[in-house]
Each structure stands twice: as C-alpha cells, then as structure tokens.
Amino acid sequence: MIDIKKNLKSYNYAIKGLKHLLMLENNARIHLAATLFILALSAYFNIEETEWLWIILAITLVWIAELLNTAIEKIVDFISPEYHPTAGKIKDLAAAAVLIAAIFAIVVGVIIFKKYIF
C-alpha cells in the first residue's frame, strides 16, 4: 500500500533541498538565470518538439550535476572540515561533472539556436 503522507513528506524534503541549493549556492542561481533565459528563448523562437526535448535534457543534466556536486561538497566538508588533498580532489571531480554537463548544454544550445539566430 502506498503511504501518501510519507510520500508527500519526501517531496517536501526534495523541495527543501532545492531551496537550500538556490539560497546557498551562487552557481545554482546562475543556472536558474540561464534556465529561465533558455526557456524564454525557446518559447520566443517556437522551437520544434524534438529541440525542446534536447533543451530540457540539457537543463536537467546541469541541475542534476549541480545538486550532486553540492551534496558531495557538503559531505566532504562535513567529514573533513580541515583542508585535505584528497578532499580537494573529490570536490574537483564533482565540480568537473557540472562542467561537463554545462558544456553539453552549451553545445546543445548552439546546435539548436544557430538556425534561429543566424
């Protein structure tokens, strides 16, 4: 049997996590601005359905990478409050995931919007 009350609590925790991300992480606010800009641009140019799918995929990948990166950073800071070279490497690897997702998103955006802008 599905426990709806428990399920709703889970969603509340997820929303709480998103709020923390947006309030505490400057890069998340940059991602939010970019997300809103790209969604507005996509609507303005009335992009095709498959292009929408690529845009949403790219945006989603960046947000997932940013959330995981932030979670990993918080865990590392909790476990190793003082600087440690291995902790730094772990954080760098997590940040690299965001970078790769962002590069993917830029490539998708260039491929889709070049025909509308030029």
N, C-alpha and C. Protein backbone atom coordinates (compact mmCIF):
# COMPACT_ATOMS: atom_id res chain seq x y z
N MET A 1 0.84 -1.18 0.00
CA MET A 1 0.00 0.00 0.00
C MET A 1 0.89 1.25 0.00
N ILE A 2 0.54 2.21 -0.78
CA ILE A 2 1.29 3.47 -0.86
C ILE A 2 0.88 4.37 0.31
N ASP A 3 1.89 4.83 1.03
CA ASP A 3 1.66 5.75 2.14
C ASP A 3 1.77 7.18 1.60
N ILE A 4 0.64 7.79 1.28
CA ILE A 4 0.60 9.11 0.65
C ILE A 4 1.24 10.17 1.55
N LYS A 5 0.97 10.09 2.83
CA LYS A 5 1.53 11.05 3.77
C LYS A 5 3.06 11.01 3.76
N LYS A 6 3.60 9.80 3.77
CA LYS A 6 5.05 9.61 3.75
C LYS A 6 5.62 10.09 2.40
N ASN A 7 4.89 9.82 1.34
CA ASN A 7 5.30 10.25 0.01
C ASN A 7 5.36 11.77 -0.09
N LEU A 8 4.35 12.45 0.44
CA LEU A 8 4.32 13.90 0.41
C LEU A 8 5.47 14.50 1.23
N LYS A 9 5.81 13.83 2.34
CA LYS A 9 6.94 14.27 3.15
C LYS A 9 8.23 14.22 2.33
N SER A 10 8.39 13.17 1.53
CA SER A 10 9.57 13.03 0.69
C SER A 10 9.68 14.18 -0.30
N TYR A 11 8.55 14.56 -0.89
CA TYR A 11 8.55 15.68 -1.83
C TYR A 11 8.91 16.98 -1.12
N ASN A 12 8.42 17.14 0.10
CA ASN A 12 8.75 18.33 0.88
C ASN A 12 10.25 18.42 1.14
N TYR A 13 10.88 17.27 1.44
CA TYR A 13 12.32 17.26 1.65
C TYR A 13 13.06 17.63 0.37
N ALA A 14 12.59 17.14 -0.76
CA ALA A 14 13.22 17.46 -2.05
C ALA A 14 13.11 18.95 -2.35
N ILE A 15 11.94 19.52 -2.10
CA ILE A 15 11.75 20.96 -2.32
C ILE A 15 12.63 21.76 -1.37
N LYS A 16 12.74 21.30 -0.15
CA LYS A 16 13.62 21.93 0.84
C LYS A 16 15.07 21.91 0.34
N GLY A 17 15.48 20.80 -0.27
CA GLY A 17 16.82 20.70 -0.84
C GLY A 17 17.04 21.69 -1.97
N LEU A 18 16.04 21.84 -2.83
CA LEU A 18 16.15 22.83 -3.92
C LEU A 18 16.26 24.25 -3.37
N LYS A 19 15.48 24.53 -2.33
CA LYS A 19 15.55 25.86 -1.71
C LYS A 19 16.93 26.12 -1.13
N HIS A 20 17.48 25.11 -0.44
CA HIS A 20 18.84 25.25 0.10
C HIS A 20 19.83 25.53 -1.03
N LEU A 21 19.71 24.78 -2.10
CA LEU A 21 20.62 24.94 -3.22
C LEU A 21 20.57 26.37 -3.75
N LEU A 22 19.37 26.87 -3.98
CA LEU A 22 19.23 28.21 -4.55
C LEU A 22 19.64 29.32 -3.58
N MET A 23 19.43 29.08 -2.30
CA MET A 23 19.79 30.11 -1.31
C MET A 23 21.29 30.12 -1.00
N LEU A 24 21.93 28.97 -1.06
CA LEU A 24 23.31 28.87 -0.59
C LEU A 24 24.36 28.84 -1.71
N GLU A 25 23.95 28.46 -2.90
CA GLU A 25 24.93 28.26 -3.96
C GLU A 25 24.78 29.29 -5.08
N ASN A 26 25.82 30.12 -5.23
CA ASN A 26 25.80 31.15 -6.26
C ASN A 26 25.66 30.54 -7.66
N ASN A 27 26.36 29.44 -7.91
CA ASN A 27 26.29 28.81 -9.23
C ASN A 27 24.87 28.33 -9.55
N ALA A 28 24.13 27.92 -8.54
CA ALA A 28 22.75 27.48 -8.76
C ALA A 28 21.89 28.65 -9.22
N ARG A 29 22.15 29.83 -8.68
CA ARG A 29 21.40 31.00 -9.13
C ARG A 29 21.76 31.37 -10.56
N ILE A 30 23.02 31.17 -10.92
CA ILE A 30 23.44 31.39 -12.31
C ILE A 30 22.74 30.38 -13.22
N HIS A 31 22.68 29.12 -12.78
CA HIS A 31 21.97 28.09 -13.56
C HIS A 31 20.50 28.43 -13.70
N LEU A 32 19.90 28.97 -12.64
CA LEU A 32 18.49 29.35 -12.70
C LEU A 32 18.27 30.45 -13.73
N ALA A 33 19.13 31.47 -13.71
CA ALA A 33 19.01 32.55 -14.69
C ALA A 33 19.17 32.02 -16.11
N ALA A 34 20.16 31.15 -16.30
CA ALA A 34 20.38 30.56 -17.63
C ALA A 34 19.20 29.70 -18.05
N THR A 35 18.66 28.94 -17.11
CA THR A 35 17.50 28.09 -17.41
C THR A 35 16.32 28.95 -17.87
N LEU A 36 16.02 30.00 -17.12
CA LEU A 36 14.89 30.86 -17.46
C LEU A 36 15.10 31.56 -18.80
N PHE A 37 16.34 32.00 -19.05
CA PHE A 37 16.67 32.65 -20.31
C PHE A 37 16.48 31.70 -21.49
N ILE A 38 17.00 30.48 -21.36
CA ILE A 38 16.91 29.50 -22.45
C ILE A 38 15.46 29.07 -22.68
N LEU A 39 14.70 28.89 -21.62
CA LEU A 39 13.28 28.54 -21.79
C LEU A 39 12.52 29.66 -22.49
N ALA A 40 12.83 30.91 -22.12
CA ALA A 40 12.18 32.06 -22.78
C ALA A 40 12.59 32.14 -24.24
N LEU A 41 13.87 31.94 -24.51
CA LEU A 41 14.37 31.96 -25.89
C LEU A 41 13.74 30.85 -26.71
N SER A 42 13.61 29.69 -26.12
CA SER A 42 12.99 28.55 -26.82
C SER A 42 11.53 28.85 -27.15
N ALA A 43 10.82 29.45 -26.23
CA ALA A 43 9.42 29.81 -26.48
C ALA A 43 9.34 30.91 -27.53
N TYR A 44 10.23 31.90 -27.45
CA TYR A 44 10.23 33.01 -28.41
C TYR A 44 10.43 32.51 -29.84
N PHE A 45 11.39 31.61 -30.02
CA PHE A 45 11.68 31.08 -31.35
C PHE A 45 10.74 29.94 -31.74
N ASN A 46 9.88 29.54 -30.81
CA ASN A 46 8.92 28.47 -31.08
C ASN A 46 9.65 27.24 -31.64
N ILE A 47 10.64 26.77 -30.88
CA ILE A 47 11.46 25.65 -31.36
C ILE A 47 10.61 24.39 -31.50
N GLU A 48 11.14 23.46 -32.28
CA GLU A 48 10.42 22.22 -32.56
C GLU A 48 10.38 21.31 -31.33
N GLU A 49 9.46 20.35 -31.38
CA GLU A 49 9.26 19.45 -30.24
C GLU A 49 10.53 18.68 -29.87
N THR A 50 11.23 18.15 -30.86
CA THR A 50 12.46 17.40 -30.55
C THR A 50 13.54 18.33 -30.01
N GLU A 51 13.55 19.58 -30.46
CA GLU A 51 14.51 20.54 -29.91
C GLU A 51 14.20 20.83 -28.44
N TRP A 52 12.91 20.92 -28.13
CA TRP A 52 12.51 21.09 -26.73
C TRP A 52 13.03 19.94 -25.88
N LEU A 53 12.93 18.73 -26.40
CA LEU A 53 13.42 17.57 -25.64
C LEU A 53 14.91 17.68 -25.34
N TRP A 54 15.69 18.11 -26.32
CA TRP A 54 17.13 18.27 -26.12
C TRP A 54 17.42 19.38 -25.11
N ILE A 55 16.69 20.49 -25.22
CA ILE A 55 16.88 21.60 -24.29
C ILE A 55 16.56 21.16 -22.86
N ILE A 56 15.43 20.47 -22.70
CA ILE A 56 15.03 20.01 -21.35
C ILE A 56 16.04 18.99 -20.82
N LEU A 57 16.54 18.11 -21.67
CA LEU A 57 17.55 17.15 -21.25
C LEU A 57 18.81 17.87 -20.78
N ALA A 58 19.26 18.84 -21.55
CA ALA A 58 20.48 19.57 -21.20
C ALA A 58 20.31 20.32 -19.88
N ILE A 59 19.18 21.00 -19.72
CA ILE A 59 18.91 21.73 -18.48
C ILE A 59 18.85 20.77 -17.30
N THR A 60 18.17 19.67 -17.48
CA THR A 60 18.03 18.69 -16.40
C THR A 60 19.38 18.11 -15.99
N LEU A 61 20.22 17.80 -16.96
CA LEU A 61 21.55 17.25 -16.64
C LEU A 61 22.38 18.25 -15.83
N VAL A 62 22.32 19.51 -16.20
CA VAL A 62 23.08 20.52 -15.45
C VAL A 62 22.57 20.62 -14.01
N TRP A 63 21.24 20.63 -13.84
CA TRP A 63 20.68 20.72 -12.49
C TRP A 63 21.01 19.49 -11.65
N ILE A 64 20.93 18.31 -12.25
CA ILE A 64 21.28 17.09 -11.51
C ILE A 64 22.75 17.12 -11.11
N ALA A 65 23.61 17.51 -12.05
CA ALA A 65 25.05 17.58 -11.73
C ALA A 65 25.31 18.60 -10.63
N GLU A 66 24.64 19.75 -10.69
CA GLU A 66 24.84 20.77 -9.66
C GLU A 66 24.37 20.30 -8.29
N LEU A 67 23.23 19.63 -8.26
CA LEU A 67 22.72 19.09 -7.00
C LEU A 67 23.68 18.05 -6.41
N LEU A 68 24.13 17.13 -7.24
CA LEU A 68 25.06 16.10 -6.76
C LEU A 68 26.39 16.72 -6.34
N ASN A 69 26.88 17.67 -7.10
CA ASN A 69 28.12 18.36 -6.75
C ASN A 69 28.00 19.03 -5.39
N THR A 70 26.90 19.73 -5.17
CA THR A 70 26.70 20.41 -3.90
C THR A 70 26.60 19.41 -2.75
N ALA A 71 25.87 18.32 -2.98
CA ALA A 71 25.75 17.29 -1.93
C ALA A 71 27.12 16.70 -1.60
N ILE A 72 27.90 16.41 -2.62
CA ILE A 72 29.24 15.84 -2.40
C ILE A 72 30.12 16.84 -1.65
N GLU A 73 30.06 18.12 -2.06
CA GLU A 73 30.85 19.13 -1.36
C GLU A 73 30.46 19.23 0.12
N LYS A 74 29.16 19.19 0.41
CA LYS A 74 28.70 19.28 1.80
C LYS A 74 29.15 18.06 2.60
N ILE A 75 29.09 16.89 2.00
CA ILE A 75 29.56 15.67 2.68
C ILE A 75 31.05 15.76 2.98
N VAL A 76 31.82 16.17 1.98
CA VAL A 76 33.27 16.27 2.15
C VAL A 76 33.60 17.30 3.24
N ASP A 77 32.93 18.44 3.23
CA ASP A 77 33.17 19.47 4.25
C ASP A 77 32.80 18.96 5.65
N PHE A 78 31.75 18.15 5.72
CA PHE A 78 31.32 17.59 7.00
C PHE A 78 32.34 16.58 7.53
N ILE A 79 32.82 15.73 6.64
CA ILE A 79 33.75 14.67 7.04
C ILE A 79 35.15 15.21 7.27
N SER A 80 35.54 16.17 6.44
CA SER A 80 36.90 16.71 6.52
C SER A 80 36.85 18.24 6.57
N PRO A 81 36.55 18.81 7.76
CA PRO A 81 36.44 20.27 7.85
C PRO A 81 37.76 21.00 7.54
N GLU A 82 38.89 20.38 7.91
CA GLU A 82 40.18 20.96 7.56
C GLU A 82 40.57 20.53 6.15
N TYR A 83 41.40 21.33 5.53
CA TYR A 83 41.83 21.00 4.17
C TYR A 83 42.59 19.68 4.15
N HIS A 84 42.26 18.88 3.17
CA HIS A 84 42.98 17.64 2.92
C HIS A 84 43.05 17.47 1.40
N PRO A 85 44.22 17.10 0.87
CA PRO A 85 44.37 16.99 -0.59
C PRO A 85 43.35 16.05 -1.24
N THR A 86 43.06 14.95 -0.58
CA THR A 86 42.08 14.01 -1.14
C THR A 86 40.69 14.62 -1.16
N ALA A 87 40.34 15.35 -0.11
CA ALA A 87 39.04 16.03 -0.07
C ALA A 87 38.94 17.02 -1.22
N GLY A 88 40.04 17.74 -1.46
CA GLY A 88 40.07 18.69 -2.58
C GLY A 88 39.87 18.00 -3.92
N LYS A 89 40.50 16.85 -4.10
CA LYS A 89 40.35 16.10 -5.35
C LYS A 89 38.91 15.62 -5.55
N ILE A 90 38.29 15.17 -4.46
CA ILE A 90 36.90 14.72 -4.54
C ILE A 90 36.00 15.87 -4.98
N LYS A 91 36.20 17.03 -4.38
CA LYS A 91 35.39 18.19 -4.73
C LYS A 91 35.65 18.62 -6.18
N ASP A 92 36.91 18.55 -6.61
CA ASP A 92 37.24 18.90 -8.00
C ASP A 92 36.55 17.95 -8.99
N LEU A 93 36.52 16.66 -8.66
CA LEU A 93 35.87 15.69 -9.53
C LEU A 93 34.37 15.97 -9.64
N ALA A 94 33.75 16.29 -8.52
CA ALA A 94 32.32 16.60 -8.54
C ALA A 94 32.06 17.87 -9.35
N ALA A 95 32.92 18.86 -9.21
CA ALA A 95 32.77 20.10 -9.98
C ALA A 95 32.96 19.83 -11.47
N ALA A 96 33.83 18.90 -11.81
CA ALA A 96 34.06 18.56 -13.21
C ALA A 96 32.80 17.99 -13.85
N ALA A 97 32.00 17.27 -13.07
CA ALA A 97 30.73 16.73 -13.59
C ALA A 97 29.80 17.87 -14.01
N VAL A 98 29.77 18.93 -13.21
CA VAL A 98 28.95 20.09 -13.55
C VAL A 98 29.49 20.75 -14.81
N LEU A 99 30.80 20.87 -14.89
CA LEU A 99 31.42 21.48 -16.07
C LEU A 99 31.07 20.70 -17.34
N ILE A 100 31.17 19.39 -17.28
CA ILE A 100 30.85 18.56 -18.45
C ILE A 100 29.38 18.71 -18.83
N ALA A 101 28.49 18.72 -17.85
CA ALA A 101 27.06 18.90 -18.13
C ALA A 101 26.80 20.27 -18.74
N ALA A 102 27.48 21.31 -18.22
CA ALA A 102 27.30 22.66 -18.75
C ALA A 102 27.82 22.77 -20.18
N ILE A 103 28.95 22.13 -20.47
CA ILE A 103 29.48 22.14 -21.84
C ILE A 103 28.51 21.44 -22.77
N PHE A 104 27.96 20.31 -22.34
CA PHE A 104 26.94 19.61 -23.13
C PHE A 104 25.76 20.53 -23.41
N ALA A 105 25.30 21.25 -22.38
CA ALA A 105 24.16 22.15 -22.54
C ALA A 105 24.48 23.27 -23.54
N ILE A 106 25.68 23.80 -23.47
CA ILE A 106 26.08 24.86 -24.41
C ILE A 106 26.11 24.32 -25.83
N VAL A 107 26.67 23.14 -26.02
CA VAL A 107 26.72 22.54 -27.36
C VAL A 107 25.31 22.33 -27.90
N VAL A 108 24.42 21.78 -27.07
CA VAL A 108 23.03 21.59 -27.48
C VAL A 108 22.41 22.93 -27.87
N GLY A 109 22.62 23.95 -27.04
CA GLY A 109 22.07 25.27 -27.32
C GLY A 109 22.58 25.85 -28.62
N VAL A 110 23.87 25.73 -28.88
CA VAL A 110 24.45 26.25 -30.12
C VAL A 110 23.86 25.53 -31.32
N ILE A 111 23.79 24.22 -31.25
CA ILE A 111 23.24 23.44 -32.37
C ILE A 111 21.80 23.83 -32.64
N ILE A 112 21.01 24.00 -31.62
CA ILE A 112 19.59 24.30 -31.80
C ILE A 112 19.36 25.75 -32.23
N PHE A 113 20.00 26.69 -31.57
CA PHE A 113 19.68 28.10 -31.79
C PHE A 113 20.40 28.75 -32.96
N LYS A 114 21.45 28.11 -33.50
CA LYS A 114 22.19 28.74 -34.60
C LYS A 114 21.28 29.03 -35.79
N LYS A 115 20.34 28.13 -36.08
CA LYS A 115 19.46 28.34 -37.24
C LYS A 115 18.43 29.43 -36.99
N TYR A 116 18.12 29.71 -35.73
CA TYR A 116 17.14 30.73 -35.40
C TYR A 116 17.78 32.12 -35.30
N ILE A 117 19.04 32.16 -34.88
CA ILE A 117 19.71 33.43 -34.65
C ILE A 117 20.45 33.93 -35.88
N PHE A 118 21.05 33.01 -36.64
CA PHE A 118 21.85 33.43 -37.82
C PHE A 118 21.11 33.21 -39.11
